[in-house]
Amino acid sequence: MKGFTLIELMIVIAIIGVLASIGIPSYLTYVKNAQIKACLAETKSYANDTYYLLYDQTSETHPQKPIYHSCSSITDASSWNELTTSLIIEAKSKNSTAVDIRCDLSKGANCTIIP
């Protein structure tokens, strides 16, 4: 006799199923966290640029519109000036339904991930 028995094949398939049931959710969590962190980097960069342009006494330029690839949206601060009172930049990462990141420019462009 050559080959595997039906029981051996069923055991291998069961083991693969158990590994997949553990591995796939872990992988999806890893991908989501990576997307949020990539969006955080873009948002932090935009918040730092905006903060610098708003508080630099020698600069007459205003913040630019955000350019993003890892986020599905970032608050547009291009119309802000030194009189703007709500200095909050919020961003959503891709495949997200809620705001994931909030940057408070009144506290020095401090960005946090919202759980």
PDB file of N, CA and C in Angstrom:
ATOM      1  N   MET A   1       0.818  -1.178   0.000  1.00  0.00           N
ATOM      2  CA  MET A   1       0.000   0.000   0.000  1.00  0.00           C
ATOM      3  C   MET A   1       0.873   1.257   0.000  1.00  0.00           C
ATOM      4  N   LYS A   2       0.484   2.188  -0.843  1.00  0.00           N
ATOM      5  CA  LYS A   2       1.176   3.464  -0.893  1.00  0.00           C
ATOM      6  C   LYS A   2       0.154   4.571  -0.645  1.00  0.00           C
ATOM      7  N   GLY A   3       0.625   5.674  -0.119  1.00  0.00           N
ATOM      8  CA  GLY A   3      -0.261   6.805   0.107  1.00  0.00           C
ATOM      9  C   GLY A   3      -0.699   6.920   1.562  1.00  0.00           C
ATOM     10  N   PHE A   4      -1.634   7.834   1.760  1.00  0.00           N
ATOM     11  CA  PHE A   4      -2.126   8.112   3.102  1.00  0.00           C
ATOM     12  C   PHE A   4      -3.522   7.533   3.274  1.00  0.00           C
ATOM     13  N   THR A   5      -3.844   7.219   4.506  1.00  0.00           N
ATOM     14  CA  THR A   5      -5.196   6.736   4.786  1.00  0.00           C
ATOM     15  C   THR A   5      -6.128   7.930   4.929  1.00  0.00           C
ATOM     16  N   LEU A   6      -7.391   7.666   4.884  1.00  0.00           N
ATOM     17  CA  LEU A   6      -8.391   8.730   5.012  1.00  0.00           C
ATOM     18  C   LEU A   6      -8.294   9.414   6.373  1.00  0.00           C
ATOM     19  N   ILE A   7      -8.043   8.677   7.420  1.00  0.00           N
ATOM     20  CA  ILE A   7      -7.915   9.244   8.768  1.00  0.00           C
ATOM     21  C   ILE A   7      -6.730  10.201   8.829  1.00  0.00           C
ATOM     22  N   GLU A   8      -5.609   9.814   8.254  1.00  0.00           N
ATOM     23  CA  GLU A   8      -4.430  10.687   8.262  1.00  0.00           C
ATOM     24  C   GLU A   8      -4.715  11.993   7.522  1.00  0.00           C
ATOM     25  N   LEU A   9      -5.378  11.919   6.400  1.00  0.00           N
ATOM     26  CA  LEU A   9      -5.721  13.131   5.652  1.00  0.00           C
ATOM     27  C   LEU A   9      -6.697  14.009   6.431  1.00  0.00           C
ATOM     28  N   MET A  10      -7.648  13.404   7.100  1.00  0.00           N
ATOM     29  CA  MET A  10      -8.608  14.175   7.898  1.00  0.00           C
ATOM     30  C   MET A  10      -7.922  14.861   9.072  1.00  0.00           C
ATOM     31  N   ILE A  11      -6.954  14.198   9.686  1.00  0.00           N
ATOM     32  CA  ILE A  11      -6.208  14.808  10.796  1.00  0.00           C
ATOM     33  C   ILE A  11      -5.406  16.002  10.296  1.00  0.00           C
ATOM     34  N   VAL A  12      -4.752  15.863   9.152  1.00  0.00           N
ATOM     35  CA  VAL A  12      -3.973  16.973   8.584  1.00  0.00           C
ATOM     36  C   VAL A  12      -4.886  18.149   8.256  1.00  0.00           C
ATOM     37  N   ILE A  13      -6.034  17.889   7.668  1.00  0.00           N
ATOM     38  CA  ILE A  13      -6.978  18.966   7.338  1.00  0.00           C
ATOM     39  C   ILE A  13      -7.497  19.634   8.608  1.00  0.00           C
ATOM     40  N   ALA A  14      -7.746  18.861   9.657  1.00  0.00           N
ATOM     41  CA  ALA A  14      -8.197  19.437  10.929  1.00  0.00           C
ATOM     42  C   ALA A  14      -7.117  20.330  11.527  1.00  0.00           C
ATOM     43  N   ILE A  15      -5.867  19.903  11.467  1.00  0.00           N
ATOM     44  CA  ILE A  15      -4.765  20.717  11.994  1.00  0.00           C
ATOM     45  C   ILE A  15      -4.637  22.011  11.196  1.00  0.00           C
ATOM     46  N   ILE A  16      -4.726  21.925   9.881  1.00  0.00           N
ATOM     47  CA  ILE A  16      -4.653  23.133   9.044  1.00  0.00           C
ATOM     48  C   ILE A  16      -5.818  24.070   9.371  1.00  0.00           C
ATOM     49  N   GLY A  17      -6.996  23.521   9.593  1.00  0.00           N
ATOM     50  CA  GLY A  17      -8.155  24.344   9.957  1.00  0.00           C
ATOM     51  C   GLY A  17      -7.966  25.068  11.273  1.00  0.00           C
ATOM     52  N   VAL A  18      -7.405  24.381  12.265  1.00  0.00           N
ATOM     53  CA  VAL A  18      -7.151  25.009  13.568  1.00  0.00           C
ATOM     54  C   VAL A  18      -6.116  26.117  13.418  1.00  0.00           C
ATOM     55  N   LEU A  19      -5.044  25.860  12.687  1.00  0.00           N
ATOM     56  CA  LEU A  19      -4.012  26.885  12.484  1.00  0.00           C
ATOM     57  C   LEU A  19      -4.570  28.093  11.732  1.00  0.00           C
ATOM     58  N   ALA A  20      -5.411  27.845  10.743  1.00  0.00           N
ATOM     59  CA  ALA A  20      -6.015  28.948   9.993  1.00  0.00           C
ATOM     60  C   ALA A  20      -6.963  29.755  10.872  1.00  0.00           C
ATOM     61  N   SER A  21      -7.711  29.078  11.738  1.00  0.00           N
ATOM     62  CA  SER A  21      -8.651  29.802  12.599  1.00  0.00           C
ATOM     63  C   SER A  21      -7.927  30.676  13.614  1.00  0.00           C
ATOM     64  N   ILE A  22      -6.701  30.341  13.935  1.00  0.00           N
ATOM     65  CA  ILE A  22      -5.894  31.168  14.834  1.00  0.00           C
ATOM     66  C   ILE A  22      -5.139  32.229  14.045  1.00  0.00           C
ATOM     67  N   GLY A  23      -4.595  31.857  12.909  1.00  0.00           N
ATOM     68  CA  GLY A  23      -3.725  32.742  12.141  1.00  0.00           C
ATOM     69  C   GLY A  23      -4.425  33.861  11.408  1.00  0.00           C
ATOM     70  N   ILE A  24      -5.570  33.588  10.818  1.00  0.00           N
ATOM     71  CA  ILE A  24      -6.250  34.605  10.010  1.00  0.00           C
ATOM     72  C   ILE A  24      -6.700  35.798  10.849  1.00  0.00           C
ATOM     73  N   PRO A  25      -7.354  35.625  12.006  1.00  0.00           N
ATOM     74  CA  PRO A  25      -7.706  36.803  12.817  1.00  0.00           C
ATOM     75  C   PRO A  25      -6.473  37.585  13.290  1.00  0.00           C
ATOM     76  N   SER A  26      -5.406  36.885  13.618  1.00  0.00           N
ATOM     77  CA  SER A  26      -4.179  37.571  14.034  1.00  0.00           C
ATOM     78  C   SER A  26      -3.623  38.404  12.890  1.00  0.00           C
ATOM     79  N   TYR A  27      -3.639  37.851  11.704  1.00  0.00           N
ATOM     80  CA  TYR A  27      -3.141  38.567  10.532  1.00  0.00           C
ATOM     81  C   TYR A  27      -4.003  39.792  10.241  1.00  0.00           C
ATOM     82  N   LEU A  28      -5.318  39.652  10.321  1.00  0.00           N
ATOM     83  CA  LEU A  28      -6.209  40.781  10.062  1.00  0.00           C
ATOM     84  C   LEU A  28      -6.012  41.893  11.092  1.00  0.00           C
ATOM     85  N   THR A  29      -5.787  41.527  12.348  1.00  0.00           N
ATOM     86  CA  THR A  29      -5.493  42.516  13.386  1.00  0.00           C
ATOM     87  C   THR A  29      -4.180  43.225  13.084  1.00  0.00           C
ATOM     88  N   TYR A  30      -3.191  42.475  12.653  1.00  0.00           N
ATOM     89  CA  TYR A  30      -1.893  43.046  12.291  1.00  0.00           C
ATOM     90  C   TYR A  30      -2.046  44.042  11.139  1.00  0.00           C
ATOM     91  N   VAL A  31      -2.813  43.683  10.121  1.00  0.00           N
ATOM     92  CA  VAL A  31      -3.018  44.564   8.969  1.00  0.00           C
ATOM     93  C   VAL A  31      -3.738  45.839   9.397  1.00  0.00           C
ATOM     94  N   LYS A  32      -4.765  45.721  10.235  1.00  0.00           N
ATOM     95  CA  LYS A  32      -5.508  46.904  10.693  1.00  0.00           C
ATOM     96  C   LYS A  32      -4.601  47.833  11.493  1.00  0.00           C
ATOM     97  N   ASN A  33      -3.796  47.280  12.398  1.00  0.00           N
ATOM     98  CA  ASN A  33      -2.875  48.101  13.182  1.00  0.00           C
ATOM     99  C   ASN A  33      -1.844  48.780  12.290  1.00  0.00           C
ATOM    100  N   ALA A  34      -1.370  48.086  11.274  1.00  0.00           N
ATOM    101  CA  ALA A  34      -0.407  48.681  10.348  1.00  0.00           C
ATOM    102  C   ALA A  34      -1.041  49.834   9.576  1.00  0.00           C
ATOM    103  N   GLN A  35      -2.296  49.685   9.161  1.00  0.00           N
ATOM    104  CA  GLN A  35      -2.990  50.759   8.453  1.00  0.00           C
ATOM    105  C   GLN A  35      -3.177  51.978   9.350  1.00  0.00           C
ATOM    106  N   ILE A  36      -3.535  51.748  10.602  1.00  0.00           N
ATOM    107  CA  ILE A  36      -3.723  52.864  11.536  1.00  0.00           C
ATOM    108  C   ILE A  36      -2.400  53.577  11.783  1.00  0.00           C
ATOM    109  N   LYS A  37      -1.318  52.838  11.946  1.00  0.00           N
ATOM    110  CA  LYS A  37      -0.016  53.463  12.204  1.00  0.00           C
ATOM    111  C   LYS A  37       0.507  54.210  10.982  1.00  0.00           C
ATOM    112  N   ALA A  38       0.239  53.710   9.782  1.00  0.00           N
ATOM    113  CA  ALA A  38       0.631  54.431   8.573  1.00  0.00           C
ATOM    114  C   ALA A  38      -0.156  55.735   8.461  1.00  0.00           C
ATOM    115  N   CYS A  39      -1.434  55.681   8.776  1.00  0.00           N
ATOM    116  CA  CYS A  39      -2.262  56.886   8.765  1.00  0.00           C
ATOM    117  C   CYS A  39      -1.803  57.857   9.852  1.00  0.00           C
ATOM    118  N   LEU A  40      -1.418  57.333  11.010  1.00  0.00           N
ATOM    119  CA  LEU A  40      -0.901  58.178  12.091  1.00  0.00           C
ATOM    120  C   LEU A  40       0.338  58.937  11.633  1.00  0.00           C
ATOM    121  N   ALA A  41       1.230  58.277  10.914  1.00  0.00           N
ATOM    122  CA  ALA A  41       2.445  58.941  10.435  1.00  0.00           C
ATOM    123  C   ALA A  41       2.103  60.079   9.476  1.00  0.00           C
ATOM    124  N   GLU A  42       1.167  59.844   8.554  1.00  0.00           N
ATOM    125  CA  GLU A  42       0.764  60.902   7.628  1.00  0.00           C
ATOM    126  C   GLU A  42       0.082  62.056   8.359  1.00  0.00           C
ATOM    127  N   THR A  43      -0.788  61.731   9.295  1.00  0.00           N
ATOM    128  CA  THR A  43      -1.515  62.761  10.036  1.00  0.00           C
ATOM    129  C   THR A  43      -0.563  63.571  10.904  1.00  0.00           C
ATOM    130  N   LYS A  44       0.372  62.902  11.555  1.00  0.00           N
ATOM    131  CA  LYS A  44       1.355  63.587  12.399  1.00  0.00           C
ATOM    132  C   LYS A  44       2.210  64.533  11.559  1.00  0.00           C
ATOM    133  N   SER A  45       2.612  64.091  10.383  1.00  0.00           N
ATOM    134  CA  SER A  45       3.397  64.944   9.498  1.00  0.00           C
ATOM    135  C   SER A  45       2.599  66.181   9.087  1.00  0.00           C
ATOM    136  N   TYR A  46       1.342  65.982   8.714  1.00  0.00           N
ATOM    137  CA  TYR A  46       0.487  67.105   8.326  1.00  0.00           C
ATOM    138  C   TYR A  46       0.235  68.032   9.514  1.00  0.00           C
ATOM    139  N   ALA A  47       0.015  67.466  10.696  1.00  0.00           N
ATOM    140  CA  ALA A  47      -0.216  68.282  11.893  1.00  0.00           C
ATOM    141  C   ALA A  47       1.023  69.104  12.238  1.00  0.00           C
ATOM    142  N   ASN A  48       2.200  68.518  12.118  1.00  0.00           N
ATOM    143  CA  ASN A  48       3.435  69.256  12.398  1.00  0.00           C
ATOM    144  C   ASN A  48       3.623  70.403  11.414  1.00  0.00           C
ATOM    145  N   ASP A  49       3.380  70.149  10.129  1.00  0.00           N
ATOM    146  CA  ASP A  49       3.496  71.215   9.128  1.00  0.00           C
ATOM    147  C   ASP A  49       2.498  72.333   9.404  1.00  0.00           C
ATOM    148  N   THR A  50       1.266  71.958   9.715  1.00  0.00           N
ATOM    149  CA  THR A  50       0.227  72.946  10.002  1.00  0.00           C
ATOM    150  C   THR A  50       0.569  73.750  11.252  1.00  0.00           C
ATOM    151  N   TYR A  51       1.018  73.072  12.286  1.00  0.00           N
ATOM    152  CA  TYR A  51       1.404  73.740  13.531  1.00  0.00           C
ATOM    153  C   TYR A  51       2.519  74.751  13.268  1.00  0.00           C
ATOM    154  N   TYR A  52       3.516  74.334  12.511  1.00  0.00           N
ATOM    155  CA  TYR A  52       4.638  75.223  12.204  1.00  0.00           C
ATOM    156  C   TYR A  52       4.161  76.450  11.430  1.00  0.00           C
ATOM    157  N   LEU A  53       3.327  76.241  10.424  1.00  0.00           N
ATOM    158  CA  LEU A  53       2.873  77.367   9.610  1.00  0.00           C
ATOM    159  C   LEU A  53       1.948  78.303  10.386  1.00  0.00           C
ATOM    160  N   LEU A  54       1.176  77.778  11.334  1.00  0.00           N
ATOM    161  CA  LEU A  54       0.282  78.643  12.109  1.00  0.00           C
ATOM    162  C   LEU A  54       1.028  79.478  13.144  1.00  0.00           C
ATOM    163  N   TYR A  55       2.073  78.906  13.735  1.00  0.00           N
ATOM    164  CA  TYR A  55       2.746  79.580  14.844  1.00  0.00           C
ATOM    165  C   TYR A  55       4.091  80.189  14.486  1.00  0.00           C
ATOM    166  N   ASP A  56       4.527  80.058  13.254  1.00  0.00           N
ATOM    167  CA  ASP A  56       5.783  80.671  12.829  1.00  0.00           C
ATOM    168  C   ASP A  56       5.535  82.154  12.563  1.00  0.00           C
ATOM    169  N   GLN A  57       6.219  82.996  13.301  1.00  0.00           N
ATOM    170  CA  GLN A  57       5.998  84.436  13.190  1.00  0.00           C
ATOM    171  C   GLN A  57       6.544  85.024  11.895  1.00  0.00           C
ATOM    172  N   THR A  58       7.493  84.348  11.266  1.00  0.00           N
ATOM    173  CA  THR A  58       8.098  84.897  10.053  1.00  0.00           C
ATOM    174  C   THR A  58       7.434  84.381   8.783  1.00  0.00           C
ATOM    175  N   SER A  59       6.578  83.406   8.893  1.00  0.00           N
ATOM    176  CA  SER A  59       5.966  82.802   7.711  1.00  0.00           C
ATOM    177  C   SER A  59       4.633  83.466   7.396  1.00  0.00           C
ATOM    178  N   GLU A  60       4.437  83.811   6.147  1.00  0.00           N
ATOM    179  CA  GLU A  60       3.170  84.388   5.701  1.00  0.00           C
ATOM    180  C   GLU A  60       2.331  83.362   4.948  1.00  0.00           C
ATOM    181  N   THR A  61       2.793  82.131   4.888  1.00  0.00           N
ATOM    182  CA  THR A  61       2.047  81.101   4.169  1.00  0.00           C
ATOM    183  C   THR A  61       1.045  80.427   5.093  1.00  0.00           C
ATOM    184  N   HIS A  62      -0.010  79.925   4.504  1.00  0.00           N
ATOM    185  CA  HIS A  62      -1.041  79.203   5.245  1.00  0.00           C
ATOM    186  C   HIS A  62      -0.879  77.710   4.994  1.00  0.00           C
ATOM    187  N   PRO A  63      -1.435  76.897   5.860  1.00  0.00           N
ATOM    188  CA  PRO A  63      -1.330  75.441   5.663  1.00  0.00           C
ATOM    189  C   PRO A  63      -1.909  75.006   4.313  1.00  0.00           C
ATOM    190  N   GLN A  64      -1.339  73.960   3.770  1.00  0.00           N
ATOM    191  CA  GLN A  64      -1.798  73.399   2.501  1.00  0.00           C
ATOM    192  C   GLN A  64      -2.887  72.361   2.756  1.00  0.00           C
ATOM    193  N   LYS A  65      -3.550  71.951   1.695  1.00  0.00           N
ATOM    194  CA  LYS A  65      -4.509  70.847   1.811  1.00  0.00           C
ATOM    195  C   LYS A  65      -3.733  69.564   2.079  1.00  0.00           C
ATOM    196  N   PRO A  66      -4.319  68.657   2.846  1.00  0.00           N
ATOM    197  CA  PRO A  66      -3.593  67.414   3.145  1.00  0.00           C
ATOM    198  C   PRO A  66      -3.479  66.511   1.915  1.00  0.00           C
ATOM    199  N   ILE A  67      -2.336  65.870   1.797  1.00  0.00           N
ATOM    200  CA  ILE A  67      -2.116  64.849   0.775  1.00  0.00           C
ATOM    201  C   ILE A  67      -1.922  63.550   1.534  1.00  0.00           C
ATOM    202  N   TYR A  68      -2.752  62.574   1.247  1.00  0.00           N
ATOM    203  CA  TYR A  68      -2.681  61.338   2.024  1.00  0.00           C
ATOM    204  C   TYR A  68      -2.894  60.126   1.132  1.00  0.00           C
ATOM    205  N   HIS A  69      -2.260  59.043   1.535  1.00  0.00           N
ATOM    206  CA  HIS A  69      -2.384  57.775   0.823  1.00  0.00           C
ATOM    207  C   HIS A  69      -2.840  56.667   1.770  1.00  0.00           C
ATOM    208  N   SER A  70      -2.434  56.735   3.017  1.00  0.00           N
ATOM    209  CA  SER A  70      -2.762  55.690   3.993  1.00  0.00           C
ATOM    210  C   SER A  70      -4.047  55.981   4.753  1.00  0.00           C
ATOM    211  N   CYS A  71      -4.567  57.176   4.613  1.00  0.00           N
ATOM    212  CA  CYS A  71      -5.796  57.559   5.310  1.00  0.00           C
ATOM    213  C   CYS A  71      -6.924  57.700   4.294  1.00  0.00           C
ATOM    214  N   SER A  72      -8.136  57.492   4.754  1.00  0.00           N
ATOM    215  CA  SER A  72      -9.271  57.738   3.865  1.00  0.00           C
ATOM    216  C   SER A  72      -9.705  59.200   3.940  1.00  0.00           C
ATOM    217  N   SER A  73      -9.378  59.882   5.052  1.00  0.00           N
ATOM    218  CA  SER A  73      -9.660  61.314   5.158  1.00  0.00           C
ATOM    219  C   SER A  73      -8.820  61.929   6.271  1.00  0.00           C
ATOM    220  N   ILE A  74      -8.473  63.201   6.078  1.00  0.00           N
ATOM    221  CA  ILE A  74      -7.781  64.011   7.086  1.00  0.00           C
ATOM    222  C   ILE A  74      -8.446  65.383   7.068  1.00  0.00           C
ATOM    223  N   THR A  75      -8.628  65.974   8.230  1.00  0.00           N
ATOM    224  CA  THR A  75      -9.217  67.309   8.324  1.00  0.00           C
ATOM    225  C   THR A  75      -8.398  68.295   7.496  1.00  0.00           C
ATOM    226  N   ASP A  76      -9.079  69.070   6.660  1.00  0.00           N
ATOM    227  CA  ASP A  76      -8.415  70.064   5.817  1.00  0.00           C
ATOM    228  C   ASP A  76      -8.211  71.346   6.622  1.00  0.00           C
ATOM    229  N   ALA A  77      -6.963  71.701   6.853  1.00  0.00           N
ATOM    230  CA  ALA A  77      -6.642  72.902   7.631  1.00  0.00           C
ATOM    231  C   ALA A  77      -6.154  74.039   6.741  1.00  0.00           C
ATOM    232  N   SER A  78      -6.406  73.951   5.441  1.00  0.00           N
ATOM    233  CA  SER A  78      -5.874  74.967   4.529  1.00  0.00           C
ATOM    234  C   SER A  78      -6.518  76.337   4.728  1.00  0.00           C
ATOM    235  N   SER A  79      -7.689  76.391   5.333  1.00  0.00           N
ATOM    236  CA  SER A  79      -8.340  77.684   5.563  1.00  0.00           C
ATOM    237  C   SER A  79      -8.080  78.224   6.971  1.00  0.00           C
ATOM    238  N   TRP A  80      -7.307  77.512   7.761  1.00  0.00           N
ATOM    239  CA  TRP A  80      -7.021  77.952   9.125  1.00  0.00           C
ATOM    240  C   TRP A  80      -6.049  79.125   9.113  1.00  0.00           C
ATOM    241  N   ASN A  81      -6.148  79.943  10.160  1.00  0.00           N
ATOM    242  CA  ASN A  81      -5.178  81.013  10.385  1.00  0.00           C
ATOM    243  C   ASN A  81      -4.956  81.139  11.887  1.00  0.00           C
ATOM    244  N   GLU A  82      -4.253  82.172  12.303  1.00  0.00           N
ATOM    245  CA  GLU A  82      -3.936  82.307  13.726  1.00  0.00           C
ATOM    246  C   GLU A  82      -5.162  82.595  14.589  1.00  0.00           C
ATOM    247  N   LEU A  83      -6.297  82.926  13.983  1.00  0.00           N
ATOM    248  CA  LEU A  83      -7.525  83.189  14.729  1.00  0.00           C
ATOM    249  C   LEU A  83      -8.425  81.955  14.848  1.00  0.00           C
ATOM    250  N   THR A  84      -8.077  80.876  14.205  1.00  0.00           N
ATOM    251  CA  THR A  84      -8.875  79.650  14.270  1.00  0.00           C
ATOM    252  C   THR A  84      -8.851  79.116  15.694  1.00  0.00           C
ATOM    253  N   THR A  85     -10.030  78.795  16.225  1.00  0.00           N
ATOM    254  CA  THR A  85     -10.100  78.356  17.622  1.00  0.00           C
ATOM    255  C   THR A  85     -10.087  76.840  17.778  1.00  0.00           C
ATOM    256  N   SER A  86     -10.696  76.113  16.862  1.00  0.00           N
ATOM    257  CA  SER A  86     -10.722  74.653  16.959  1.00  0.00           C
ATOM    258  C   SER A  86      -9.542  74.080  16.181  1.00  0.00           C
ATOM    259  N   LEU A  87      -8.480  73.795  16.886  1.00  0.00           N
ATOM    260  CA  LEU A  87      -7.253  73.329  16.240  1.00  0.00           C
ATOM    261  C   LEU A  87      -7.118  71.815  16.370  1.00  0.00           C
ATOM    262  N   ILE A  88      -8.130  71.106  15.928  1.00  0.00           N
ATOM    263  CA  ILE A  88      -8.149  69.647  16.004  1.00  0.00           C
ATOM    264  C   ILE A  88      -8.095  69.084  14.581  1.00  0.00           C
ATOM    265  N   ILE A  89      -7.134  68.223  14.334  1.00  0.00           N
ATOM    266  CA  ILE A  89      -7.048  67.505  13.064  1.00  0.00           C
ATOM    267  C   ILE A  89      -7.414  66.056  13.346  1.00  0.00           C
ATOM    268  N   GLU A  90      -8.404  65.557  12.616  1.00  0.00           N
ATOM    269  CA  GLU A  90      -8.839  64.170  12.786  1.00  0.00           C
ATOM    270  C   GLU A  90      -8.631  63.418  11.480  1.00  0.00           C
ATOM    271  N   ALA A  91      -8.372  62.126  11.605  1.00  0.00           N
ATOM    272  CA  ALA A  91      -8.140  61.300  10.421  1.00  0.00           C
ATOM    273  C   ALA A  91      -8.763  59.929  10.598  1.00  0.00           C
ATOM    274  N   LYS A  92      -9.159  59.356   9.468  1.00  0.00           N
ATOM    275  CA  LYS A  92      -9.663  57.977   9.430  1.00  0.00           C
ATOM    276  C   LYS A  92      -8.691  57.155   8.605  1.00  0.00           C
ATOM    277  N   SER A  93      -8.339  55.998   9.119  1.00  0.00           N
ATOM    278  CA  SER A  93      -7.519  55.105   8.310  1.00  0.00           C
ATOM    279  C   SER A  93      -8.409  54.389   7.305  1.00  0.00           C
ATOM    280  N   LYS A  94      -7.784  53.827   6.294  1.00  0.00           N
ATOM    281  CA  LYS A  94      -8.559  53.106   5.286  1.00  0.00           C
ATOM    282  C   LYS A  94      -9.276  51.929   5.930  1.00  0.00           C
ATOM    283  N   ASN A  95     -10.440  51.615   5.403  1.00  0.00           N
ATOM    284  CA  ASN A  95     -11.286  50.517   5.895  1.00  0.00           C
ATOM    285  C   ASN A  95     -11.763  50.745   7.322  1.00  0.00           C
ATOM    286  N   SER A  96     -11.860  51.998   7.739  1.00  0.00           N
ATOM    287  CA  SER A  96     -12.334  52.324   9.081  1.00  0.00           C
ATOM    288  C   SER A  96     -13.633  53.108   8.963  1.00  0.00           C
ATOM    289  N   THR A  97     -14.518  52.908   9.916  1.00  0.00           N
ATOM    290  CA  THR A  97     -15.791  53.624   9.891  1.00  0.00           C
ATOM    291  C   THR A  97     -15.804  54.813  10.840  1.00  0.00           C
ATOM    292  N   ALA A  98     -14.858  54.868  11.752  1.00  0.00           N
ATOM    293  CA  ALA A  98     -14.825  55.944  12.746  1.00  0.00           C
ATOM    294  C   ALA A  98     -13.469  56.647  12.695  1.00  0.00           C
ATOM    295  N   VAL A  99     -13.405  57.797  13.352  1.00  0.00           N
ATOM    296  CA  VAL A  99     -12.149  58.537  13.435  1.00  0.00           C
ATOM    297  C   VAL A  99     -11.160  57.726  14.263  1.00  0.00           C
ATOM    298  N   ASP A 100      -9.973  57.511  13.720  1.00  0.00           N
ATOM    299  CA  ASP A 100      -8.947  56.718  14.396  1.00  0.00           C
ATOM    300  C   ASP A 100      -7.890  57.576  15.085  1.00  0.00           C
ATOM    301  N   ILE A 101      -7.672  58.791  14.562  1.00  0.00           N
ATOM    302  CA  ILE A 101      -6.548  59.601  15.023  1.00  0.00           C
ATOM    303  C   ILE A 101      -7.025  61.024  15.268  1.00  0.00           C
ATOM    304  N   ARG A 102      -6.556  61.616  16.346  1.00  0.00           N
ATOM    305  CA  ARG A 102      -6.892  63.001  16.669  1.00  0.00           C
ATOM    306  C   ARG A 102      -5.614  63.726  17.073  1.00  0.00           C
ATOM    307  N   CYS A 103      -5.383  64.880  16.442  1.00  0.00           N
ATOM    308  CA  CYS A 103      -4.222  65.716  16.759  1.00  0.00           C
ATOM    309  C   CYS A 103      -4.731  67.055  17.282  1.00  0.00           C
ATOM    310  N   ASP A 104      -4.257  67.440  18.449  1.00  0.00           N
ATOM    311  CA  ASP A 104      -4.660  68.702  19.064  1.00  0.00           C
ATOM    312  C   ASP A 104      -3.512  69.689  18.922  1.00  0.00           C
ATOM    313  N   LEU A 105      -3.660  70.641  18.002  1.00  0.00           N
ATOM    314  CA  LEU A 105      -2.593  71.600  17.751  1.00  0.00           C
ATOM    315  C   LEU A 105      -2.468  72.635  18.853  1.00  0.00           C
ATOM    316  N   SER A 106      -3.490  72.781  19.693  1.00  0.00           N
ATOM    317  CA  SER A 106      -3.368  73.711  20.817  1.00  0.00           C
ATOM    318  C   SER A 106      -2.425  73.154  21.878  1.00  0.00           C
ATOM    319  N   LYS A 107      -2.119  71.851  21.791  1.00  0.00           N
ATOM    320  CA  LYS A 107      -1.191  71.211  22.729  1.00  0.00           C
ATOM    321  C   LYS A 107       0.113  70.818  22.044  1.00  0.00           C
ATOM    322  N   GLY A 108       0.430  71.465  20.935  1.00  0.00           N
ATOM    323  CA  GLY A 108       1.702  71.211  20.280  1.00  0.00           C
ATOM    324  C   GLY A 108       1.691  70.073  19.285  1.00  0.00           C
ATOM    325  N   ALA A 109       0.642  69.912  18.525  1.00  0.00           N
ATOM    326  CA  ALA A 109       0.530  68.871  17.496  1.00  0.00           C
ATOM    327  C   ALA A 109       0.643  67.476  18.082  1.00  0.00           C
ATOM    328  N   ASN A 110       0.054  67.293  19.252  1.00  0.00           N
ATOM    329  CA  ASN A 110       0.056  65.983  19.902  1.00  0.00           C
ATOM    330  C   ASN A 110      -1.000  65.100  19.243  1.00  0.00           C
ATOM    331  N   CYS A 111      -0.569  63.987  18.650  1.00  0.00           N
ATOM    332  CA  CYS A 111      -1.489  63.075  17.959  1.00  0.00           C
ATOM    333  C   CYS A 111      -1.657  61.792  18.757  1.00  0.00           C
ATOM    334  N   THR A 112      -2.900  61.329  18.849  1.00  0.00           N
ATOM    335  CA  THR A 112      -3.173  60.087  19.564  1.00  0.00           C
ATOM    336  C   THR A 112      -4.074  59.194  18.723  1.00  0.00           C
ATOM    337  N   ILE A 113      -3.904  57.895  18.914  1.00  0.00           N
ATOM    338  CA  ILE A 113      -4.776  56.916  18.283  1.00  0.00           C
ATOM    339  C   ILE A 113      -5.969  56.711  19.208  1.00  0.00           C
ATOM    340  N   ILE A 114      -7.164  56.824  18.652  1.00  0.00           N
ATOM    341  CA  ILE A 114      -8.381  56.646  19.438  1.00  0.00           C
ATOM    342  C   ILE A 114      -8.758  55.170  19.390  1.00  0.00           C
ATOM    343  N   PRO A 115      -8.842  54.524  20.550  1.00  0.00           N
ATOM    344  CA  PRO A 115      -9.178  53.086  20.533  1.00  0.00           C
ATOM    345  C   PRO A 115     -10.612  52.822  20.129  1.00  0.00           C
TER     346      PRO A 115
END
